[in-house]
Amino acid sequence: MASTAVGFVGAPRPGRVRAYLNRMRDGDEIAHLITLMFASAIFLITALLVYELYRNSGLARGKFGWGFLTGTTWDPVFEEFGALPFVFGTVVTSAVGMVVAIPLGVGAAIFL
């Protein structure tokens, strides 16, 4: 009687599968390192941005002081400036935008 082959004809040998999976794992580790590098770059860029903004705003802070952020008067004639209404408007419009965008984004993510 003839012997019969067990399994699929042309099925990969276990050693080849293991080697392929090891190569895939190496690729995953490389992708993880690249992702970690870019995530760290976000924090570095943000810190540099804050540093540059603080450093270059020295003249304005010296002339108008920190009261510029909490003042409500904007009078160029008397050189009296306050940014609180503008900061408040920015925060409110951002909040309204998030109230609209978050449900739409979550809904789209659930739908997909």
C-alpha atoms as a PDB file:
ATOM      1  CA  MET A   1       0.000   0.000   0.000  1.00  0.00           C
ATOM      2  CA  ALA A   2       1.239   3.470  -0.796  1.00  0.00           C
ATOM      3  CA  SER A   3       1.912   6.005   1.915  1.00  0.00           C
ATOM      4  CA  THR A   4      -0.337   9.047   2.072  1.00  0.00           C
ATOM      5  CA  ALA A   5       0.753  12.568   2.898  1.00  0.00           C
ATOM      6  CA  VAL A   6      -0.850  14.181   5.894  1.00  0.00           C
ATOM      7  CA  GLY A   7      -1.529  17.922   5.668  1.00  0.00           C
ATOM      8  CA  PHE A   8      -1.778  20.293   2.771  1.00  0.00           C
ATOM      9  CA  VAL A   9       0.332  19.858  -0.301  1.00  0.00           C
ATOM     10  CA  GLY A  10       2.865  22.664  -0.425  1.00  0.00           C
ATOM     11  CA  ALA A  11       2.203  23.788   3.164  1.00  0.00           C
ATOM     12  CA  PRO A  12       5.109  25.772   4.626  1.00  0.00           C
ATOM     13  CA  ARG A  13       7.389  24.008   7.021  1.00  0.00           C
ATOM     14  CA  PRO A  14       7.172  25.114  10.683  1.00  0.00           C
ATOM     15  CA  GLY A  15      10.727  26.464  10.588  1.00  0.00           C
ATOM     16  CA  ARG A  16       9.888  28.838   7.741  1.00  0.00           C
ATOM     17  CA  VAL A  17       6.747  30.055   9.516  1.00  0.00           C
ATOM     18  CA  ARG A  18       8.706  30.708  12.692  1.00  0.00           C
ATOM     19  CA  ALA A  19      11.368  32.646  10.756  1.00  0.00           C
ATOM     20  CA  TYR A  20       8.658  34.722   9.064  1.00  0.00           C
ATOM     21  CA  LEU A  21       7.002  35.523  12.395  1.00  0.00           C
ATOM     22  CA  ASN A  22      10.367  36.512  13.895  1.00  0.00           C
ATOM     23  CA  ARG A  23      10.952  38.924  10.990  1.00  0.00           C
ATOM     24  CA  MET A  24       7.478  40.386  11.528  1.00  0.00           C
ATOM     25  CA  ARG A  25       8.189  40.839  15.247  1.00  0.00           C
ATOM     26  CA  ASP A  26      11.430  42.655  14.393  1.00  0.00           C
ATOM     27  CA  GLY A  27       9.458  44.951  12.097  1.00  0.00           C
ATOM     28  CA  ASP A  28       6.960  45.601  14.886  1.00  0.00           C
ATOM     29  CA  GLU A  29       9.776  46.573  17.239  1.00  0.00           C
ATOM     30  CA  ILE A  30      11.194  48.972  14.652  1.00  0.00           C
ATOM     31  CA  ALA A  31       7.754  50.522  14.100  1.00  0.00           C
ATOM     32  CA  HIS A  32       7.331  50.826  17.871  1.00  0.00           C
ATOM     33  CA  LEU A  33      10.666  52.651  18.197  1.00  0.00           C
ATOM     34  CA  ILE A  34       9.815  55.019  15.339  1.00  0.00           C
ATOM     35  CA  THR A  35       6.420  55.766  16.891  1.00  0.00           C
ATOM     36  CA  LEU A  36       8.036  56.379  20.276  1.00  0.00           C
ATOM     37  CA  MET A  37      10.569  58.710  18.669  1.00  0.00           C
ATOM     38  CA  PHE A  38       7.862  60.825  17.016  1.00  0.00           C
ATOM     39  CA  ALA A  39       5.746  60.875  20.186  1.00  0.00           C
ATOM     40  CA  SER A  40       8.757  62.150  22.122  1.00  0.00           C
ATOM     41  CA  ALA A  41       9.360  64.764  19.432  1.00  0.00           C
ATOM     42  CA  ILE A  42       5.874  66.173  20.060  1.00  0.00           C
ATOM     43  CA  PHE A  43       6.738  66.921  23.684  1.00  0.00           C
ATOM     44  CA  LEU A  44      10.130  68.347  22.740  1.00  0.00           C
ATOM     45  CA  ILE A  45       8.631  70.633  20.087  1.00  0.00           C
ATOM     46  CA  THR A  46       5.926  71.801  22.505  1.00  0.00           C
ATOM     47  CA  ALA A  47       8.522  72.601  25.171  1.00  0.00           C
ATOM     48  CA  LEU A  48      10.637  74.515  22.648  1.00  0.00           C
ATOM     49  CA  LEU A  49       7.577  76.430  21.479  1.00  0.00           C
ATOM     50  CA  VAL A  50       6.679  77.488  25.027  1.00  0.00           C
ATOM     51  CA  TYR A  51      10.300  78.470  25.679  1.00  0.00           C
ATOM     52  CA  GLU A  52      10.508  80.604  22.523  1.00  0.00           C
ATOM     53  CA  LEU A  53       7.168  82.291  23.221  1.00  0.00           C
ATOM     54  CA  TYR A  54       8.240  83.150  26.759  1.00  0.00           C
ATOM     55  CA  ARG A  55      11.691  84.347  25.698  1.00  0.00           C
ATOM     56  CA  ASN A  56      10.437  86.528  22.847  1.00  0.00           C
ATOM     57  CA  SER A  57       7.598  88.068  24.855  1.00  0.00           C
ATOM     58  CA  GLY A  58       9.963  89.745  27.325  1.00  0.00           C
ATOM     59  CA  LEU A  59       9.416  93.263  25.957  1.00  0.00           C
ATOM     60  CA  ALA A  60       5.621  92.951  26.055  1.00  0.00           C
ATOM     61  CA  ARG A  61       5.688  91.480  29.557  1.00  0.00           C
ATOM     62  CA  GLY A  62       7.991  94.291  30.681  1.00  0.00           C
ATOM     63  CA  LYS A  63       5.812  97.038  29.236  1.00  0.00           C
ATOM     64  CA  PHE A  64       2.297  95.710  29.957  1.00  0.00           C
ATOM     65  CA  GLY A  65       2.991  93.202  32.727  1.00  0.00           C
ATOM     66  CA  TRP A  66       1.067  90.027  33.415  1.00  0.00           C
ATOM     67  CA  GLY A  67      -2.076  92.146  33.808  1.00  0.00           C
ATOM     68  CA  PHE A  68      -2.267  92.042  30.022  1.00  0.00           C
ATOM     69  CA  LEU A  69      -3.764  88.556  30.284  1.00  0.00           C
ATOM     70  CA  THR A  70      -6.396  89.544  32.857  1.00  0.00           C
ATOM     71  CA  GLY A  71      -7.216  93.083  31.693  1.00  0.00           C
ATOM     72  CA  THR A  72     -10.475  93.798  29.868  1.00  0.00           C
ATOM     73  CA  THR A  73      -9.735  97.234  28.373  1.00  0.00           C
ATOM     74  CA  TRP A  74      -8.342  97.631  24.858  1.00  0.00           C
ATOM     75  CA  ASP A  75      -7.507 101.293  24.305  1.00  0.00           C
ATOM     76  CA  PRO A  76      -4.651 101.968  21.862  1.00  0.00           C
ATOM     77  CA  VAL A  77      -4.885 105.745  22.390  1.00  0.00           C
ATOM     78  CA  PHE A  78      -3.869 105.454  26.048  1.00  0.00           C
ATOM     79  CA  GLU A  79      -1.790 102.306  25.414  1.00  0.00           C
ATOM     80  CA  GLU A  80      -3.906 100.257  27.792  1.00  0.00           C
ATOM     81  CA  PHE A  81      -4.302  96.699  26.620  1.00  0.00           C
ATOM     82  CA  GLY A  82      -6.036  93.672  28.061  1.00  0.00           C
ATOM     83  CA  ALA A  83      -6.506  90.328  26.349  1.00  0.00           C
ATOM     84  CA  LEU A  84      -9.066  88.633  28.620  1.00  0.00           C
ATOM     85  CA  PRO A  85     -12.041  89.087  26.230  1.00  0.00           C
ATOM     86  CA  PHE A  86     -10.007  87.601  23.396  1.00  0.00           C
ATOM     87  CA  VAL A  87      -8.807  84.685  25.509  1.00  0.00           C
ATOM     88  CA  PHE A  88     -12.380  84.069  26.697  1.00  0.00           C
ATOM     89  CA  GLY A  89     -13.682  84.153  23.112  1.00  0.00           C
ATOM     90  CA  THR A  90     -11.034  81.683  22.015  1.00  0.00           C
ATOM     91  CA  VAL A  91     -11.880  79.283  24.850  1.00  0.00           C
ATOM     92  CA  VAL A  92     -15.636  79.499  24.180  1.00  0.00           C
ATOM     93  CA  THR A  93     -15.343  78.947  20.421  1.00  0.00           C
ATOM     94  CA  SER A  94     -12.962  76.028  20.999  1.00  0.00           C
ATOM     95  CA  ALA A  95     -15.403  74.478  23.485  1.00  0.00           C
ATOM     96  CA  VAL A  96     -18.315  74.857  21.061  1.00  0.00           C
ATOM     97  CA  GLY A  97     -16.207  73.308  18.311  1.00  0.00           C
ATOM     98  CA  MET A  98     -15.372  70.338  20.544  1.00  0.00           C
ATOM     99  CA  VAL A  99     -19.032  69.907  21.548  1.00  0.00           C
ATOM    100  CA  VAL A 100     -19.853  69.578  17.848  1.00  0.00           C
ATOM    101  CA  ALA A 101     -16.781  67.620  16.712  1.00  0.00           C
ATOM    102  CA  ILE A 102     -16.439  65.011  19.470  1.00  0.00           C
ATOM    103  CA  PRO A 103     -19.869  63.377  19.014  1.00  0.00           C
ATOM    104  CA  LEU A 104     -19.457  63.427  15.231  1.00  0.00           C
ATOM    105  CA  GLY A 105     -15.974  61.924  15.455  1.00  0.00           C
ATOM    106  CA  VAL A 106     -16.981  59.220  17.926  1.00  0.00           C
ATOM    107  CA  GLY A 107     -20.083  58.454  15.860  1.00  0.00           C
ATOM    108  CA  ALA A 108     -18.000  58.121  12.699  1.00  0.00           C
ATOM    109  CA  ALA A 109     -15.502  55.882  14.503  1.00  0.00           C
ATOM    110  CA  ILE A 110     -18.267  53.626  15.785  1.00  0.00           C
ATOM    111  CA  PHE A 111     -19.897  53.507  12.352  1.00  0.00           C
ATOM    112  CA  LEU A 112     -16.658  52.537  10.651  1.00  0.00           C
END
